[in-house]
Amino acid sequence: MTEFHEDGRAGIDADLVRRLIAQQFPQWADLAVTPVKVDGWDNRTYRLGSELTARLPTAAAYVPAVDKEHEWLPVLAPYLPVEIPTAIAKGAPGEGYPYPWAIRRWIDGRTASTDTVTDLPAFARAIADFILALQSVDATGGPLAGEHSFYRGASLKHYHDETVEALGVLKDRIDADLAGEVWDAALASTWDRPPMWFHGDIASGNLLVQDGRLSAVIDFGTSGVGDPACDLVIAYTFFSGESRSAFRDAVQQDSATWARARGWALWKALITEDIPTIQTVLEDH
């Protein structure tokens, strides 16, 4: 029997999705509505039949992604080396649900892990290829990094107070002085080139694998144009040893960008008290 996430999180359940579909997209009203096995936090996702999904934001902070992705996913897709979500339609608030929502095409695949990826260095190079292809897309008119991207692609200064507070909390569990040096180095570096496209959340849960290889990148909710350093964080959260070296070599970013990438990785690890990732970042300093 397949296990699914508990239905009803954030007041969203399969019955609500069925009512929204029936009201706004009657052509799909007969399709089965099923919670996906692996669900994110920002949205609740349901399969509609075998080819579609309904994706509903769980809070107002995640609503800007609906319009952003609907506009920009079709622009980005032709330039990227693997599949990304296809925007099919936008739903409106209704049936007691207060936010716009999205219908996308279902993408087959398993989320990336050491069990699903057969060759980690090759996978690392594939992620690097994706990042470089994304950076090469014309950023003219793209959504400048800011609140909609949760400040991914913008200055790390936005999270300075939060980081300093977390350093104080964890000072007895980590080398807080070294962590402070890593953070200061990240803040001292700035992106001084034209804005580039970034994904904003290149993490294992957003990377789909088929036959052991990267097949799709999903969830562009924190994407935008700005400083692409945030897209390098996976070097510390997923890769190690040979695969991390392969990623570094293939992604071709300068030392200043890596300093900011360490800052992004450190900030997230500090606020989630992810000690192993903190240690990885500090060892790389």
Protein backbone atom coordinates (compact mmCIF):
# COMPACT_ATOMS: atom_id res chain seq x y z
CA MET A 1 0.00 0.00 0.00
CA THR A 2 1.40 3.43 -0.93
CA GLU A 3 1.94 5.86 1.91
CA PHE A 4 0.95 9.48 1.36
CA HIS A 5 1.49 12.64 3.37
CA GLU A 6 -1.36 13.31 5.77
CA ASP A 7 -4.08 15.07 3.84
CA GLY A 8 -5.36 18.40 5.11
CA ARG A 9 -2.14 20.27 5.87
CA ALA A 10 -2.63 24.06 5.78
CA GLY A 11 -6.36 23.48 5.37
CA ILE A 12 -5.87 21.91 1.94
CA ASP A 13 -7.18 18.44 1.18
CA ALA A 14 -8.18 16.32 -1.78
CA ASP A 15 -11.85 17.22 -1.43
CA LEU A 16 -11.04 20.93 -1.71
CA VAL A 17 -9.00 20.26 -4.85
CA ARG A 18 -11.86 18.26 -6.37
CA ARG A 19 -14.28 21.14 -5.73
CA LEU A 20 -11.90 23.72 -7.19
CA ILE A 21 -11.36 21.61 -10.29
CA ALA A 22 -15.08 21.01 -10.74
CA GLN A 23 -15.81 24.72 -10.36
CA GLN A 24 -13.02 26.16 -12.50
CA PHE A 25 -11.85 23.37 -14.83
CA PRO A 26 -14.82 21.09 -15.43
CA GLN A 27 -13.00 19.41 -18.33
CA TRP A 28 -10.83 17.71 -15.68
CA ALA A 29 -13.52 17.08 -13.08
CA ASP A 30 -13.52 13.32 -13.70
CA LEU A 31 -9.80 12.91 -13.02
CA ALA A 32 -8.71 11.20 -9.81
CA VAL A 33 -7.22 13.57 -7.20
CA THR A 34 -4.42 11.97 -5.16
CA PRO A 35 -1.88 13.51 -2.75
CA VAL A 36 1.67 13.08 -4.00
CA LYS A 37 3.95 10.79 -2.02
CA VAL A 38 6.69 13.39 -1.56
CA ASP A 39 5.31 16.86 -0.86
CA GLY A 40 7.04 20.18 -0.22
CA TRP A 41 6.32 22.73 2.48
CA ASP A 42 5.49 25.82 0.41
CA ASN A 43 2.75 24.09 -1.56
CA ARG A 44 0.46 21.10 -1.40
CA THR A 45 0.59 19.06 -4.58
CA TYR A 46 -2.01 16.60 -5.89
CA ARG A 47 -1.95 14.41 -8.94
CA LEU A 48 -4.84 14.91 -11.36
CA GLY A 49 -5.18 11.67 -13.23
CA SER A 50 -1.88 10.47 -14.67
CA GLU A 51 -0.68 13.57 -16.54
CA LEU A 52 -1.44 16.67 -14.44
CA THR A 53 -0.91 18.10 -10.95
CA ALA A 54 -2.62 20.77 -8.89
CA ARG A 55 -0.24 22.87 -6.79
CA LEU A 56 -1.71 25.05 -4.04
CA PRO A 57 0.31 27.55 -1.92
CA THR A 58 0.08 26.89 1.81
CA ALA A 59 0.47 30.56 2.83
CA ALA A 60 0.36 34.06 1.36
CA ALA A 61 4.17 34.30 1.24
CA TYR A 62 4.26 31.59 -1.44
CA VAL A 63 1.59 33.10 -3.69
CA PRO A 64 3.93 35.26 -5.84
CA ALA A 65 5.46 32.07 -7.23
CA VAL A 66 2.21 31.17 -9.00
CA ASP A 67 2.26 34.08 -11.46
CA LYS A 68 6.06 34.12 -11.67
CA GLU A 69 6.33 30.47 -12.65
CA HIS A 70 3.37 30.66 -15.01
CA GLU A 71 5.07 33.52 -16.89
CA TRP A 72 8.68 32.40 -16.85
CA LEU A 73 8.75 28.59 -16.97
CA PRO A 74 7.84 28.60 -20.69
CA VAL A 75 10.60 31.17 -21.31
CA LEU A 76 13.29 29.16 -19.53
CA ALA A 77 12.39 25.65 -20.68
CA PRO A 78 13.82 25.76 -24.25
CA TYR A 79 17.27 26.70 -22.97
CA LEU A 80 17.67 24.09 -20.23
CA PRO A 81 19.22 20.63 -20.64
CA VAL A 82 16.58 18.74 -18.63
CA GLU A 83 12.84 18.96 -18.18
CA ILE A 84 11.28 21.58 -15.91
CA PRO A 85 7.61 22.00 -14.91
CA THR A 86 5.15 22.92 -17.65
CA ALA A 87 2.57 25.55 -16.71
CA ILE A 88 -0.85 24.40 -17.93
CA ALA A 89 -3.33 26.72 -16.19
CA LYS A 90 -3.85 29.05 -13.24
CA GLY A 91 -6.68 28.61 -10.79
CA ALA A 92 -8.36 31.36 -8.81
CA PRO A 93 -9.37 31.57 -5.14
CA GLY A 94 -12.56 29.68 -4.45
CA GLU A 95 -14.40 27.17 -2.27
CA GLY A 96 -12.98 28.86 0.82
CA TYR A 97 -9.39 28.69 -0.44
CA PRO A 98 -7.97 32.26 -0.58
CA TYR A 99 -5.07 32.03 -3.05
CA PRO A 100 -4.40 31.54 -6.76
CA TRP A 101 -3.02 28.10 -7.59
CA ALA A 102 -1.49 26.24 -10.49
CA ILE A 103 -2.03 23.24 -12.72
CA ARG A 104 1.15 21.70 -14.09
CA ARG A 105 2.10 18.69 -16.12
CA TRP A 106 3.21 15.68 -14.08
CA ILE A 107 6.90 14.78 -14.38
CA ASP A 108 7.97 11.20 -13.69
CA GLY A 109 11.06 10.55 -11.62
CA ARG A 110 12.40 9.90 -8.15
CA THR A 111 13.98 12.56 -5.96
CA ALA A 112 17.77 12.56 -5.91
CA SER A 113 19.54 10.57 -3.21
CA THR A 114 22.60 8.38 -2.89
CA ASP A 115 20.25 5.47 -3.58
CA THR A 116 18.71 6.86 -6.78
CA VAL A 117 21.82 8.42 -8.35
CA THR A 118 24.18 5.85 -9.88
CA ASP A 119 27.22 8.07 -10.55
CA LEU A 120 27.55 11.05 -8.19
CA PRO A 121 30.38 12.85 -10.04
CA ALA A 122 28.44 12.58 -13.31
CA PHE A 123 25.33 13.82 -11.51
CA ALA A 124 27.32 16.74 -10.11
CA ARG A 125 28.44 17.68 -13.62
CA ALA A 126 24.82 17.48 -14.84
CA ILE A 127 23.73 19.90 -12.10
CA ALA A 128 26.57 22.22 -13.07
CA ASP A 129 25.46 22.06 -16.72
CA PHE A 130 21.93 22.99 -15.65
CA ILE A 131 23.17 25.96 -13.60
CA LEU A 132 25.35 27.26 -16.43
CA ALA A 133 22.53 26.88 -18.94
CA LEU A 134 20.17 28.75 -16.62
CA GLN A 135 22.73 31.53 -16.13
CA SER A 136 23.06 31.89 -19.89
CA VAL A 137 19.37 32.70 -20.43
CA ASP A 138 18.72 36.37 -21.17
CA ALA A 139 17.71 37.93 -17.83
CA THR A 140 16.18 41.05 -19.37
CA GLY A 141 12.87 41.82 -17.66
CA GLY A 142 13.21 38.87 -15.30
CA PRO A 143 11.99 39.05 -11.69
CA LEU A 144 14.70 40.82 -9.69
CA ALA A 145 15.66 39.02 -6.49
CA GLY A 146 13.73 40.14 -3.45
CA GLU A 147 10.83 39.16 -1.24
CA HIS A 148 9.32 36.83 -3.88
CA SER A 149 12.56 34.80 -3.92
CA PHE A 150 12.96 34.97 -0.15
CA TYR A 151 16.00 37.10 -0.97
CA ARG A 152 17.79 34.30 -2.79
CA GLY A 153 19.86 36.08 -5.41
CA ALA A 154 20.02 39.25 -3.29
CA SER A 155 22.46 40.33 -0.59
CA LEU A 156 23.11 38.03 2.36
CA LYS A 157 22.86 41.14 4.55
CA HIS A 158 19.11 40.51 4.69
CA TYR A 159 19.82 37.50 6.94
CA HIS A 160 22.65 39.00 9.00
CA ASP A 161 20.76 39.48 12.27
CA GLU A 162 19.25 36.01 12.02
CA THR A 163 22.69 34.51 11.41
CA VAL A 164 24.33 36.34 14.33
CA GLU A 165 21.54 35.18 16.64
CA ALA A 166 21.95 31.57 15.47
CA LEU A 167 25.72 31.76 15.99
CA GLY A 168 25.06 32.77 19.57
CA VAL A 169 22.70 29.87 20.12
CA LEU A 170 25.15 27.31 18.69
CA LYS A 171 28.41 28.77 20.01
CA ASP A 172 29.03 25.79 22.29
CA ARG A 173 28.41 23.22 19.53
CA ILE A 174 30.41 24.67 16.64
CA ASP A 175 33.52 26.75 16.04
CA ALA A 176 31.62 30.04 16.21
CA ASP A 177 34.72 32.15 15.55
CA LEU A 178 35.46 30.32 12.30
CA ALA A 179 31.78 30.44 11.33
CA GLY A 180 31.86 34.18 11.92
CA GLU A 181 34.86 34.49 9.61
CA VAL A 182 33.03 32.55 6.88
CA TRP A 183 30.00 34.78 7.29
CA ASP A 184 32.05 37.98 7.25
CA ALA A 185 33.84 36.83 4.08
CA ALA A 186 30.47 36.20 2.44
CA LEU A 187 29.20 39.66 3.39
CA ALA A 188 32.40 41.29 2.14
CA SER A 189 31.84 39.86 -1.34
CA THR A 190 29.26 41.37 -3.69
CA TRP A 191 27.86 40.48 -7.10
CA ASP A 192 29.08 43.26 -9.41
CA ARG A 193 27.91 41.91 -12.76
CA PRO A 194 24.56 42.07 -14.56
CA PRO A 195 21.81 39.95 -12.94
CA MET A 196 21.70 36.28 -13.95
CA TRP A 197 18.95 33.73 -13.67
CA PHE A 198 19.09 31.54 -10.56
CA HIS A 199 16.85 28.70 -9.41
CA GLY A 200 17.12 29.52 -5.72
CA ASP A 201 16.55 26.05 -4.27
CA ILE A 202 18.73 23.49 -6.02
CA ALA A 203 18.30 20.78 -3.40
CA SER A 204 17.90 17.02 -3.64
CA GLY A 205 14.13 17.21 -3.22
CA ASN A 206 13.85 19.39 -6.33
CA LEU A 207 16.03 17.17 -8.52
CA LEU A 208 14.36 14.24 -10.26
CA VAL A 209 16.22 11.16 -11.38
CA GLN A 210 15.45 8.47 -13.96
CA ASP A 211 17.77 5.54 -14.65
CA GLY A 212 20.20 6.98 -12.12
CA ARG A 213 20.65 10.28 -13.99
CA LEU A 214 19.28 13.81 -13.64
CA SER A 215 16.03 14.02 -15.62
CA ALA A 216 14.26 17.14 -14.32
CA VAL A 217 14.55 20.14 -12.02
CA ILE A 218 11.34 21.27 -10.33
CA ASP A 219 10.04 24.03 -8.02
CA PHE A 220 11.12 27.40 -9.38
CA GLY A 221 9.22 29.26 -6.64
CA THR A 222 12.35 31.00 -5.35
CA SER A 223 13.81 31.68 -8.80
CA GLY A 224 14.68 35.08 -10.16
CA VAL A 225 17.49 37.18 -11.56
CA GLY A 226 20.39 38.45 -9.48
CA ASP A 227 23.42 36.84 -7.84
CA PRO A 228 23.59 33.11 -8.70
CA ALA A 229 25.74 32.16 -5.67
CA CYS A 230 22.75 30.61 -3.88
CA ASP A 231 22.62 27.86 -6.52
CA LEU A 232 26.00 26.48 -5.40
CA VAL A 233 24.82 25.44 -1.92
CA ILE A 234 24.26 21.86 -3.06
CA ALA A 235 28.06 21.48 -3.02
CA TYR A 236 27.80 21.34 0.78
CA THR A 237 24.42 19.72 1.28
CA PHE A 238 24.59 16.82 -1.18
CA PHE A 239 28.03 16.39 -2.71
CA SER A 240 31.30 15.41 -1.04
CA GLY A 241 34.79 14.32 -2.02
CA GLU A 242 35.03 13.47 -5.71
CA SER A 243 31.50 14.63 -6.54
CA ARG A 244 32.04 18.01 -4.86
CA SER A 245 35.29 18.46 -6.80
CA ALA A 246 33.52 17.50 -10.02
CA PHE A 247 30.79 20.05 -9.33
CA ARG A 248 33.29 22.82 -8.54
CA ASP A 249 35.29 22.14 -11.70
CA ALA A 250 32.25 21.96 -13.95
CA VAL A 251 30.27 24.92 -12.61
CA GLN A 252 33.15 27.37 -13.21
CA GLN A 253 32.39 30.01 -10.58
CA ASP A 254 34.94 32.42 -9.11
CA SER A 255 36.20 32.47 -5.53
CA ALA A 256 34.05 35.46 -4.54
CA THR A 257 30.91 33.67 -5.69
CA TRP A 258 31.98 30.61 -3.69
CA ALA A 259 32.48 32.79 -0.61
CA ARG A 260 28.86 33.90 -0.88
CA ALA A 261 27.74 30.34 -1.57
CA ARG A 262 29.38 29.28 1.70
CA GLY A 263 27.49 32.09 3.38
CA TRP A 264 24.17 30.86 2.01
CA ALA A 265 24.92 27.30 3.10
CA LEU A 266 26.04 28.44 6.54
CA TRP A 267 22.98 30.63 7.12
CA LYS A 268 20.54 27.85 6.29
CA ALA A 269 22.46 25.26 8.32
CA LEU A 270 22.64 27.60 11.31
CA ILE A 271 18.94 28.42 11.43
CA THR A 272 18.02 24.74 11.06
CA GLU A 273 20.77 23.62 13.49
CA ASP A 274 22.18 21.32 10.81
CA ILE A 275 25.51 20.66 12.49
CA PRO A 276 26.93 18.27 9.82
CA THR A 277 26.43 20.87 7.08
CA ILE A 278 27.92 23.60 9.27
CA GLN A 279 31.01 21.45 9.77
CA THR A 280 31.24 20.81 6.03
CA VAL A 281 31.12 24.52 5.28
CA LEU A 282 33.74 25.31 7.93
CA GLU A 283 36.09 22.60 6.72
CA ASP A 284 35.90 24.09 3.23
CA HIS A 285 36.97 27.53 4.51
